[in-house]
Amino acid sequence: AVDKSNLLKVYPNPANEFITIEYNAGSAENQLMIEVIDEKGRLVYNTKLIRSTDQIIIDTRNFKSGNYIIRLVSGNKSIGNTSVIISR
C-alpha cells in the first residue's frame, strides 16, 4: 500500500550541479536516510536525516550524467522513491 503522506520531490529535473530534495516521512519512526542510486544499482550517495520532513540540497557535480533513483528509507525499508536525470 502506498502512503500518500510520504512526499518525495526532487528538482530541478533534469539537474546539473545541485538537486533539492523535499521529503516528508510522515510518522516513520526509524532512522531516516536519503539514498541516491545510479543506473547500475550502486549507492552513490546517502545521508542521514534529522527531521521527518525537510528539504536538503545535494551537490551533484561529481555525479556522472544519467538517471538516478532518489530513495527515502526508514530503517531498512524504502518508503518512497523518485527519479532524477543528471545532465551535463
Protein backbone atom coordinates (compact mmCIF):
# COMPACT_ATOMS: atom_id res chain seq x y z
CA ALA A 1 0.00 0.00 0.00
CA VAL A 2 1.27 3.45 -0.86
CA ASP A 3 1.00 6.05 1.88
CA LYS A 4 0.22 9.30 0.10
CA SER A 5 1.57 11.32 3.03
CA ASN A 6 5.08 10.21 2.08
CA LEU A 7 6.25 13.04 -0.08
CA LEU A 8 9.42 12.96 -2.11
CA LYS A 9 10.14 15.68 -4.66
CA VAL A 10 13.38 16.37 -6.47
CA TYR A 11 14.14 19.44 -8.54
CA PRO A 12 15.39 20.70 -10.87
CA ASN A 13 14.92 17.74 -13.19
CA PRO A 14 17.00 17.38 -15.27
CA ALA A 15 19.64 18.70 -12.91
CA ASN A 16 23.22 19.78 -13.36
CA GLU A 17 25.19 20.92 -10.31
CA PHE A 18 22.72 20.56 -7.45
CA ILE A 19 19.44 18.87 -6.61
CA THR A 20 16.98 19.87 -3.93
CA ILE A 21 15.08 17.02 -2.31
CA GLU A 22 11.88 17.74 -0.40
CA TYR A 23 10.69 14.89 1.74
CA ASN A 24 8.05 14.07 4.29
CA ALA A 25 8.37 10.72 6.03
CA GLY A 26 5.10 11.15 7.91
CA SER A 27 5.09 9.15 11.11
CA ALA A 28 8.05 6.92 10.24
CA GLU A 29 9.85 6.15 13.49
CA ASN A 30 13.07 4.53 12.30
CA GLN A 31 16.31 6.19 11.25
CA LEU A 32 15.61 8.11 8.07
CA MET A 33 18.03 8.31 5.17
CA ILE A 34 18.12 9.60 1.64
CA GLU A 35 19.91 7.29 -0.79
CA VAL A 36 20.93 8.07 -4.36
CA ILE A 37 21.23 5.01 -6.62
CA ASP A 38 22.79 5.09 -10.09
CA GLU A 39 21.68 3.26 -13.24
CA LYS A 40 23.73 0.20 -12.28
CA GLY A 41 22.05 -0.03 -8.90
CA ARG A 42 25.03 1.30 -6.97
CA LEU A 43 24.61 3.54 -3.95
CA VAL A 44 26.44 6.73 -4.92
CA TYR A 45 25.33 8.97 -2.04
CA ASN A 46 23.49 8.66 1.22
CA THR A 47 22.81 10.90 4.15
CA LYS A 48 21.03 10.56 7.46
CA LEU A 49 18.05 12.82 8.00
CA ILE A 50 17.48 14.65 11.27
CA ARG A 51 13.84 15.64 10.81
CA SER A 52 10.90 13.68 9.44
CA THR A 53 10.08 16.48 7.00
CA ASP A 54 12.53 18.91 5.48
CA GLN A 55 14.44 19.70 2.34
CA ILE A 56 18.07 19.01 1.62
CA ILE A 57 20.42 20.09 -1.15
CA ILE A 58 22.89 17.65 -2.68
CA ASP A 59 25.92 18.65 -4.72
CA THR A 60 25.74 16.52 -7.88
CA ARG A 61 28.75 17.99 -9.69
CA ASN A 62 30.73 14.76 -9.30
CA PHE A 63 27.84 12.54 -10.43
CA LYS A 64 28.03 11.22 -13.99
CA SER A 65 25.27 12.15 -16.42
CA GLY A 66 22.40 9.68 -16.34
CA ASN A 67 19.35 8.54 -14.44
CA TYR A 68 19.35 8.25 -10.68
CA ILE A 69 16.85 6.93 -8.17
CA ILE A 70 16.33 9.02 -5.04
CA ARG A 71 15.12 6.80 -2.22
CA LEU A 72 13.67 7.76 1.14
CA VAL A 73 14.50 4.98 3.59
CA SER A 74 13.14 4.37 7.08
CA GLY A 75 15.15 1.75 8.95
CA ASN A 76 15.86 -0.74 6.17
CA LYS A 77 12.63 -0.14 4.27
CA SER A 78 12.16 2.17 1.30
CA ILE A 79 9.15 4.39 1.98
CA GLY A 80 9.36 6.47 -1.17
CA ASN A 81 11.36 6.89 -4.33
CA THR A 82 11.56 9.14 -7.33
CA SER A 83 13.98 9.58 -10.17
CA VAL A 84 16.12 12.42 -11.43
CA ILE A 85 18.24 12.92 -14.51
CA ILE A 86 21.69 14.47 -14.19
CA SER A 87 22.52 16.18 -17.47
CA ARG A 88 25.74 18.00 -18.34
